[in-house]
């Protein structure tokens, strides 16, 4: 019984220390209040772009090590310098619509030192929409 009590006290102590550390960790707070952006309907051809703006609401600098996408048609750009507490940053996501006439949902994976809710290893952003065929004779992006 005594061993169980000591184990319980240690577990509560570790949880308290972990919660305190999470309060100080850098943390994303996105302006959109949503991690998903819906482009709606897009015409095939141009690259569609959305900028996810955020503030570091933690007490330590936020460092983004990398950002990657779920496919080659989506490319993220992110700040390479640390985002200080209270400062803003931007993650730009580009989606190449050329040759992709259909509904789409793509993910962008952010590796950083920020606290991630739900115990995930990385922060995830999402884009979605539907690409419709360009009108015949309309200019297209050949990139």
N, C-alpha and C. Protein backbone atom coordinates (compact mmCIF):
# COMPACT_ATOMS: atom_id res chain seq x y z
N UNK A 1 0.83 -1.19 0.00
CA UNK A 1 0.00 0.00 0.00
C UNK A 1 0.88 1.26 0.00
N UNK A 2 1.93 1.22 0.82
CA UNK A 2 2.83 2.36 0.90
C UNK A 2 3.51 2.60 -0.46
N UNK A 3 3.90 1.52 -1.14
CA UNK A 3 4.55 1.61 -2.44
C UNK A 3 3.60 2.24 -3.46
N UNK A 4 2.33 1.85 -3.42
CA UNK A 4 1.33 2.41 -4.34
C UNK A 4 1.16 3.91 -4.09
N UNK A 5 1.13 4.30 -2.83
CA UNK A 5 0.98 5.70 -2.47
C UNK A 5 2.17 6.52 -2.98
N UNK A 6 3.38 6.02 -2.81
CA UNK A 6 4.59 6.72 -3.26
C UNK A 6 4.58 6.82 -4.79
N UNK A 7 4.22 5.75 -5.46
CA UNK A 7 4.15 5.76 -6.92
C UNK A 7 3.14 6.79 -7.41
N UNK A 8 2.00 6.86 -6.76
CA UNK A 8 0.98 7.84 -7.12
C UNK A 8 1.48 9.27 -6.93
N UNK A 9 2.15 9.53 -5.83
CA UNK A 9 2.70 10.86 -5.58
C UNK A 9 3.73 11.25 -6.63
N UNK A 10 4.61 10.31 -6.99
CA UNK A 10 5.61 10.58 -8.02
C UNK A 10 4.94 10.87 -9.36
N UNK A 11 3.93 10.10 -9.71
CA UNK A 11 3.22 10.31 -10.98
C UNK A 11 2.57 11.69 -11.02
N UNK A 12 1.96 12.09 -9.93
CA UNK A 12 1.32 13.41 -9.86
C UNK A 12 2.38 14.51 -9.97
N UNK A 13 3.51 14.30 -9.33
CA UNK A 13 4.61 15.28 -9.40
C UNK A 13 5.13 15.44 -10.81
N UNK A 14 5.32 14.33 -11.53
CA UNK A 14 5.79 14.40 -12.92
C UNK A 14 4.77 15.09 -13.81
N UNK A 15 3.49 14.79 -13.60
CA UNK A 15 2.44 15.43 -14.41
C UNK A 15 2.43 16.94 -14.17
N UNK A 16 2.62 17.35 -12.92
CA UNK A 16 2.66 18.77 -12.60
C UNK A 16 3.85 19.46 -13.25
N UNK A 17 5.01 18.81 -13.22
CA UNK A 17 6.21 19.38 -13.85
C UNK A 17 6.03 19.46 -15.36
N UNK A 18 5.41 18.43 -15.97
CA UNK A 18 5.17 18.42 -17.41
C UNK A 18 4.21 19.54 -17.80
N UNK A 19 3.15 19.72 -17.01
CA UNK A 19 2.19 20.79 -17.30
C UNK A 19 2.85 22.15 -17.19
N UNK A 20 3.72 22.34 -16.20
CA UNK A 20 4.42 23.61 -16.04
C UNK A 20 5.34 23.87 -17.22
N UNK A 21 6.05 22.83 -17.67
CA UNK A 21 6.94 22.98 -18.83
C UNK A 21 6.14 23.36 -20.06
N UNK A 22 4.95 22.78 -20.25
CA UNK A 22 4.12 23.09 -21.41
C UNK A 22 3.65 24.54 -21.39
N UNK A 23 3.44 25.12 -20.22
CA UNK A 23 3.02 26.52 -20.13
C UNK A 23 4.12 27.45 -20.63
N UNK A 24 5.37 27.05 -20.45
CA UNK A 24 6.50 27.89 -20.86
C UNK A 24 6.93 27.64 -22.31
N UNK A 25 6.58 26.49 -22.85
CA UNK A 25 7.03 26.14 -24.20
C UNK A 25 6.47 27.11 -25.23
N UNK A 26 7.17 27.27 -26.35
CA UNK A 26 6.60 28.06 -27.44
C UNK A 26 5.31 27.38 -27.91
N UNK A 27 4.40 28.18 -28.44
CA UNK A 27 3.13 27.62 -28.88
C UNK A 27 2.56 28.47 -30.01
N UNK A 28 2.06 27.78 -31.05
CA UNK A 28 1.40 28.46 -32.17
C UNK A 28 0.00 28.91 -31.75
N UNK A 29 -0.37 30.12 -32.15
CA UNK A 29 -1.76 30.56 -32.09
C UNK A 29 -2.03 31.20 -33.45
N UNK A 30 -2.79 30.48 -34.29
CA UNK A 30 -3.03 30.95 -35.64
C UNK A 30 -4.14 31.99 -35.68
N UNK A 31 -3.94 33.02 -36.51
CA UNK A 31 -4.89 34.12 -36.65
C UNK A 31 -6.25 33.61 -37.10
N UNK A 32 -6.25 32.63 -38.02
CA UNK A 32 -7.50 32.08 -38.55
C UNK A 32 -8.30 31.33 -37.50
N UNK A 33 -7.68 31.00 -36.37
CA UNK A 33 -8.30 30.18 -35.33
C UNK A 33 -8.69 28.81 -35.88
N UNK A 34 -8.07 28.44 -36.99
CA UNK A 34 -8.38 27.19 -37.63
C UNK A 34 -7.12 26.71 -38.33
N UNK A 35 -6.87 25.43 -38.30
CA UNK A 35 -5.69 24.90 -38.97
C UNK A 35 -6.01 24.39 -40.37
N UNK A 36 -7.22 24.67 -40.87
CA UNK A 36 -7.62 24.26 -42.21
C UNK A 36 -8.07 25.47 -43.00
N UNK A 37 -7.58 25.58 -44.25
CA UNK A 37 -8.02 26.65 -45.14
C UNK A 37 -8.71 26.02 -46.35
N UNK A 38 -9.91 26.49 -46.65
CA UNK A 38 -10.69 26.00 -47.79
C UNK A 38 -10.59 27.01 -48.92
N UNK A 39 -9.92 26.62 -50.01
CA UNK A 39 -9.80 27.49 -51.18
C UNK A 39 -11.12 27.61 -51.94
N UNK A 40 -12.05 26.72 -51.69
CA UNK A 40 -13.29 26.71 -52.47
C UNK A 40 -13.00 26.12 -53.84
N UNK A 41 -13.56 26.75 -54.88
CA UNK A 41 -13.36 26.27 -56.24
C UNK A 41 -12.29 27.09 -56.93
N UNK A 42 -11.31 26.41 -57.51
CA UNK A 42 -10.19 27.05 -58.21
C UNK A 42 -10.18 26.58 -59.66
N UNK A 43 -9.78 27.48 -60.56
CA UNK A 43 -9.56 27.07 -61.95
C UNK A 43 -8.18 26.46 -62.07
N UNK A 44 -8.09 25.42 -62.89
CA UNK A 44 -6.83 24.75 -63.12
C UNK A 44 -5.83 25.70 -63.76
N UNK A 45 -4.58 25.59 -63.34
CA UNK A 45 -3.50 26.37 -63.95
C UNK A 45 -2.65 27.11 -62.96
N UNK A 46 -3.17 28.16 -62.33
CA UNK A 46 -2.30 28.94 -61.44
C UNK A 46 -2.03 28.22 -60.12
N UNK A 47 -0.96 28.66 -59.48
CA UNK A 47 -0.63 28.16 -58.15
C UNK A 47 -1.49 28.92 -57.14
N UNK A 48 -2.19 28.19 -56.29
CA UNK A 48 -3.02 28.79 -55.25
C UNK A 48 -2.17 28.94 -53.99
N UNK A 49 -2.28 30.07 -53.32
CA UNK A 49 -1.45 30.36 -52.15
C UNK A 49 -2.32 30.81 -50.99
N UNK A 50 -1.98 30.31 -49.81
CA UNK A 50 -2.60 30.80 -48.57
C UNK A 50 -1.51 31.01 -47.54
N UNK A 51 -1.63 32.08 -46.78
CA UNK A 51 -0.67 32.39 -45.72
C UNK A 51 -1.35 32.15 -44.38
N UNK A 52 -0.80 31.22 -43.62
CA UNK A 52 -1.24 30.96 -42.25
C UNK A 52 -0.40 31.86 -41.34
N UNK A 53 -1.02 32.86 -40.71
CA UNK A 53 -0.32 33.76 -39.80
C UNK A 53 -0.50 33.26 -38.37
N UNK A 54 0.56 33.37 -37.58
CA UNK A 54 0.51 32.89 -36.21
C UNK A 54 1.28 33.82 -35.29
N UNK A 55 1.01 33.67 -34.00
CA UNK A 55 1.76 34.35 -32.94
C UNK A 55 2.31 33.27 -32.02
N UNK A 56 3.53 33.46 -31.55
CA UNK A 56 4.11 32.57 -30.54
C UNK A 56 3.57 33.04 -29.19
N UNK A 57 2.64 32.28 -28.62
CA UNK A 57 2.03 32.67 -27.35
C UNK A 57 2.72 31.99 -26.16
N UNK A 58 3.84 31.32 -26.42
CA UNK A 58 4.61 30.70 -25.34
C UNK A 58 5.58 31.70 -24.73
N UNK A 59 6.42 31.21 -23.83
CA UNK A 59 7.38 32.07 -23.14
C UNK A 59 8.81 31.84 -23.60
N UNK A 60 9.00 31.01 -24.64
CA UNK A 60 10.32 30.73 -25.19
C UNK A 60 10.28 30.93 -26.71
N UNK A 61 11.42 31.17 -27.35
CA UNK A 61 11.44 31.32 -28.81
C UNK A 61 10.92 30.06 -29.52
N UNK A 62 10.15 30.26 -30.55
CA UNK A 62 9.61 29.17 -31.36
C UNK A 62 10.53 28.96 -32.55
N UNK A 63 11.01 27.73 -32.73
CA UNK A 63 11.93 27.42 -33.82
C UNK A 63 11.29 26.34 -34.69
N UNK A 64 11.07 26.67 -35.96
CA UNK A 64 10.54 25.69 -36.91
C UNK A 64 11.74 25.05 -37.61
N UNK A 65 11.93 23.74 -37.36
CA UNK A 65 13.04 23.03 -37.98
C UNK A 65 12.76 22.72 -39.45
N UNK A 66 11.51 22.33 -39.75
CA UNK A 66 11.16 22.00 -41.13
C UNK A 66 9.65 22.02 -41.30
N UNK A 67 9.25 22.07 -42.56
CA UNK A 67 7.84 21.94 -42.93
C UNK A 67 7.81 21.11 -44.20
N UNK A 68 6.94 20.14 -44.24
CA UNK A 68 6.83 19.29 -45.42
C UNK A 68 5.36 19.07 -45.72
N UNK A 69 5.08 18.63 -46.94
CA UNK A 69 3.70 18.45 -47.37
C UNK A 69 3.42 16.99 -47.69
N UNK A 70 2.14 16.67 -47.75
CA UNK A 70 1.73 15.29 -48.00
C UNK A 70 1.92 14.88 -49.45
N UNK A 71 2.22 15.84 -50.35
CA UNK A 71 2.52 15.49 -51.74
C UNK A 71 3.35 16.60 -52.38
N UNK A 72 3.92 16.30 -53.54
CA UNK A 72 4.79 17.25 -54.23
C UNK A 72 4.08 18.45 -54.82
N UNK A 73 2.76 18.40 -54.92
CA UNK A 73 2.00 19.53 -55.49
C UNK A 73 1.83 20.66 -54.48
N UNK A 74 2.20 20.41 -53.23
CA UNK A 74 2.03 21.39 -52.16
C UNK A 74 3.41 21.72 -51.59
N UNK A 75 3.72 23.02 -51.52
CA UNK A 75 5.02 23.43 -50.99
C UNK A 75 4.85 24.49 -49.91
N UNK A 76 5.36 24.21 -48.72
CA UNK A 76 5.31 25.20 -47.64
C UNK A 76 6.58 26.03 -47.58
N UNK A 77 6.45 27.26 -47.13
CA UNK A 77 7.57 28.15 -46.84
C UNK A 77 7.37 28.62 -45.40
N UNK A 78 8.46 28.65 -44.63
CA UNK A 78 8.35 28.97 -43.21
C UNK A 78 9.51 29.85 -42.78
N UNK A 79 9.35 30.57 -41.67
CA UNK A 79 10.45 31.41 -41.18
C UNK A 79 11.60 30.55 -40.67
N UNK A 80 12.81 30.91 -41.06
CA UNK A 80 13.99 30.15 -40.64
C UNK A 80 14.59 30.70 -39.34
N UNK A 81 14.21 31.91 -38.97
CA UNK A 81 14.72 32.51 -37.73
C UNK A 81 13.72 32.23 -36.60
N UNK A 82 14.19 32.19 -35.35
CA UNK A 82 13.29 31.97 -34.23
C UNK A 82 12.23 33.08 -34.13
N UNK A 83 11.04 32.67 -33.74
CA UNK A 83 9.94 33.62 -33.49
C UNK A 83 9.90 33.83 -31.98
N UNK A 84 10.22 35.03 -31.55
CA UNK A 84 10.27 35.33 -30.12
C UNK A 84 8.88 35.33 -29.50
N UNK A 85 8.78 35.14 -28.19
CA UNK A 85 7.48 35.18 -27.53
C UNK A 85 6.73 36.48 -27.84
N UNK A 86 5.46 36.34 -28.19
CA UNK A 86 4.62 37.50 -28.50
C UNK A 86 4.76 38.00 -29.93
N UNK A 87 5.70 37.47 -30.68
CA UNK A 87 5.93 37.92 -32.07
C UNK A 87 5.16 37.05 -33.05
N UNK A 88 4.99 37.60 -34.26
CA UNK A 88 4.22 36.93 -35.30
C UNK A 88 5.13 36.29 -36.35
N UNK A 89 4.59 35.28 -37.02
CA UNK A 89 5.27 34.61 -38.11
C UNK A 89 4.25 34.17 -39.14
N UNK A 90 4.74 33.69 -40.28
CA UNK A 90 3.86 33.25 -41.36
C UNK A 90 4.36 31.95 -41.95
N UNK A 91 3.43 31.07 -42.27
CA UNK A 91 3.73 29.87 -43.03
C UNK A 91 2.90 29.96 -44.30
N UNK A 92 3.59 30.04 -45.44
CA UNK A 92 2.92 30.17 -46.73
C UNK A 92 2.82 28.78 -47.36
N UNK A 93 1.62 28.43 -47.82
CA UNK A 93 1.40 27.14 -48.45
C UNK A 93 0.95 27.38 -49.89
N UNK A 94 1.69 26.79 -50.83
CA UNK A 94 1.38 26.90 -52.26
C UNK A 94 0.88 25.56 -52.77
N UNK A 95 -0.20 25.60 -53.56
CA UNK A 95 -0.76 24.38 -54.16
C UNK A 95 -0.80 24.56 -55.67
N UNK A 96 -0.11 23.67 -56.40
CA UNK A 96 -0.06 23.72 -57.86
C UNK A 96 -1.30 23.03 -58.42
N UNK A 97 -2.19 23.78 -59.05
CA UNK A 97 -3.45 23.25 -59.56
C UNK A 97 -3.32 22.59 -60.93
N UNK A 98 -2.21 22.82 -61.62
CA UNK A 98 -2.04 22.32 -62.99
C UNK A 98 -2.16 20.79 -63.04
N UNK A 99 -3.11 20.30 -63.87
CA UNK A 99 -3.29 18.87 -64.05
C UNK A 99 -3.95 18.16 -62.89
N UNK A 100 -4.57 18.90 -62.00
CA UNK A 100 -5.19 18.31 -60.81
C UNK A 100 -6.66 18.69 -60.72
N UNK A 101 -7.42 18.30 -61.71
CA UNK A 101 -8.85 18.63 -61.75
C UNK A 101 -9.59 17.61 -60.89
N UNK A 102 -9.88 18.01 -59.66
CA UNK A 102 -10.61 17.16 -58.72
C UNK A 102 -10.64 17.86 -57.36
N UNK A 103 -11.44 17.34 -56.44
CA UNK A 103 -11.35 17.84 -55.07
C UNK A 103 -10.01 17.43 -54.47
N UNK A 104 -9.49 18.24 -53.54
CA UNK A 104 -8.22 17.91 -52.89
C UNK A 104 -8.25 18.26 -51.42
N UNK A 105 -7.48 17.51 -50.67
CA UNK A 105 -7.19 17.79 -49.26
C UNK A 105 -5.72 17.46 -49.07
N UNK A 106 -4.94 18.42 -48.65
CA UNK A 106 -3.50 18.24 -48.47
C UNK A 106 -3.10 18.67 -47.06
N UNK A 107 -2.04 18.05 -46.56
CA UNK A 107 -1.56 18.34 -45.22
C UNK A 107 -0.15 18.90 -45.27
N UNK A 108 0.14 19.80 -44.32
CA UNK A 108 1.48 20.34 -44.15
C UNK A 108 1.90 20.03 -42.72
N UNK A 109 3.08 19.41 -42.58
CA UNK A 109 3.57 18.96 -41.29
C UNK A 109 4.67 19.90 -40.81
N UNK A 110 4.48 20.49 -39.64
CA UNK A 110 5.41 21.47 -39.07
C UNK A 110 6.19 20.82 -37.93
N UNK A 111 7.50 20.66 -38.13
CA UNK A 111 8.38 20.15 -37.07
C UNK A 111 8.98 21.36 -36.35
N UNK A 112 8.73 21.46 -35.05
CA UNK A 112 9.22 22.61 -34.30
C UNK A 112 9.39 22.23 -32.83
N UNK A 113 9.81 23.20 -32.06
CA UNK A 113 9.93 23.00 -30.62
C UNK A 113 8.67 23.45 -29.88
N UNK A 114 7.60 23.72 -30.61
CA UNK A 114 6.36 24.22 -30.01
C UNK A 114 5.55 23.10 -29.37
N UNK A 115 4.80 23.48 -28.35
CA UNK A 115 3.85 22.57 -27.73
C UNK A 115 2.77 22.23 -28.77
N UNK A 116 2.45 20.95 -28.89
CA UNK A 116 1.42 20.52 -29.83
C UNK A 116 0.29 19.87 -29.03
N UNK A 117 -0.92 20.40 -29.18
CA UNK A 117 -2.05 19.81 -28.45
C UNK A 117 -2.30 18.36 -28.86
N UNK A 118 -3.01 17.65 -28.06
CA UNK A 118 -3.42 16.27 -28.33
C UNK A 118 -2.25 15.29 -28.36
N UNK A 119 -1.08 15.69 -27.86
CA UNK A 119 0.05 14.78 -27.76
C UNK A 119 0.68 14.38 -29.09
N UNK A 120 0.39 15.09 -30.15
CA UNK A 120 0.98 14.77 -31.45
C UNK A 120 2.45 15.19 -31.47
N UNK A 121 3.20 14.61 -32.40
CA UNK A 121 4.62 14.91 -32.52
C UNK A 121 4.89 16.20 -33.28
N UNK A 122 3.96 16.61 -34.12
CA UNK A 122 4.16 17.78 -34.97
C UNK A 122 2.83 18.49 -35.17
N UNK A 123 2.93 19.75 -35.53
CA UNK A 123 1.72 20.53 -35.81
C UNK A 123 1.33 20.29 -37.26
N UNK A 124 0.03 20.21 -37.53
CA UNK A 124 -0.44 19.97 -38.88
C UNK A 124 -1.38 21.08 -39.33
N UNK A 125 -1.14 21.54 -40.56
CA UNK A 125 -2.03 22.48 -41.22
C UNK A 125 -2.66 21.76 -42.40
N UNK A 126 -3.82 22.22 -42.85
CA UNK A 126 -4.53 21.54 -43.93
C UNK A 126 -5.08 22.57 -44.92
N UNK A 127 -5.05 22.18 -46.19
CA UNK A 127 -5.71 22.97 -47.23
C UNK A 127 -6.64 22.04 -47.98
N UNK A 128 -7.71 22.61 -48.53
CA UNK A 128 -8.63 21.80 -49.31
C UNK A 128 -9.33 22.69 -50.33
N UNK A 129 -9.99 22.07 -51.26
CA UNK A 129 -10.72 22.79 -52.28
C UNK A 129 -11.05 21.86 -53.44
N UNK A 130 -11.51 22.46 -54.53
CA UNK A 130 -11.83 21.71 -55.74
C UNK A 130 -11.27 22.46 -56.92
N UNK A 131 -10.52 21.75 -57.76
CA UNK A 131 -9.97 22.34 -58.98
C UNK A 131 -10.87 21.93 -60.14
N UNK A 132 -11.31 22.93 -60.92
CA UNK A 132 -12.12 22.67 -62.11
C UNK A 132 -11.28 22.98 -63.34
N UNK A 133 -11.63 22.34 -64.45
CA UNK A 133 -10.86 22.50 -65.69
C UNK A 133 -10.88 23.96 -66.13
N UNK A 134 -9.71 24.39 -66.62
CA UNK A 134 -9.61 25.75 -67.18
C UNK A 134 -10.38 25.78 -68.49
N UNK A 135 -10.86 26.95 -68.84
CA UNK A 135 -11.57 27.09 -70.11
C UNK A 135 -10.58 26.92 -71.25
N UNK A 136 -11.00 26.31 -72.36
CA UNK A 136 -10.09 26.14 -73.49
C UNK A 136 -9.49 27.47 -73.93
N UNK A 137 -8.19 27.46 -74.17
CA UNK A 137 -7.49 28.69 -74.60
C UNK A 137 -7.03 29.57 -73.47
N UNK A 138 -7.40 29.22 -72.22
CA UNK A 138 -6.97 30.03 -71.08
C UNK A 138 -5.50 29.75 -70.78
N UNK A 139 -4.74 30.77 -70.38
CA UNK A 139 -3.32 30.55 -70.07
C UNK A 139 -3.19 29.61 -68.87
N UNK A 140 -2.16 28.78 -68.89
CA UNK A 140 -1.93 27.85 -67.78
C UNK A 140 -0.50 28.02 -67.29
N UNK A 141 -0.27 27.59 -66.10
CA UNK A 141 1.05 27.63 -65.49
C UNK A 141 1.76 26.33 -65.82
N UNK A 142 2.87 26.38 -66.52
CA UNK A 142 3.57 25.17 -66.95
C UNK A 142 4.69 24.76 -65.99
N UNK A 143 4.73 25.29 -64.76
CA UNK A 143 5.78 24.94 -63.79
C UNK A 143 5.62 23.54 -63.32
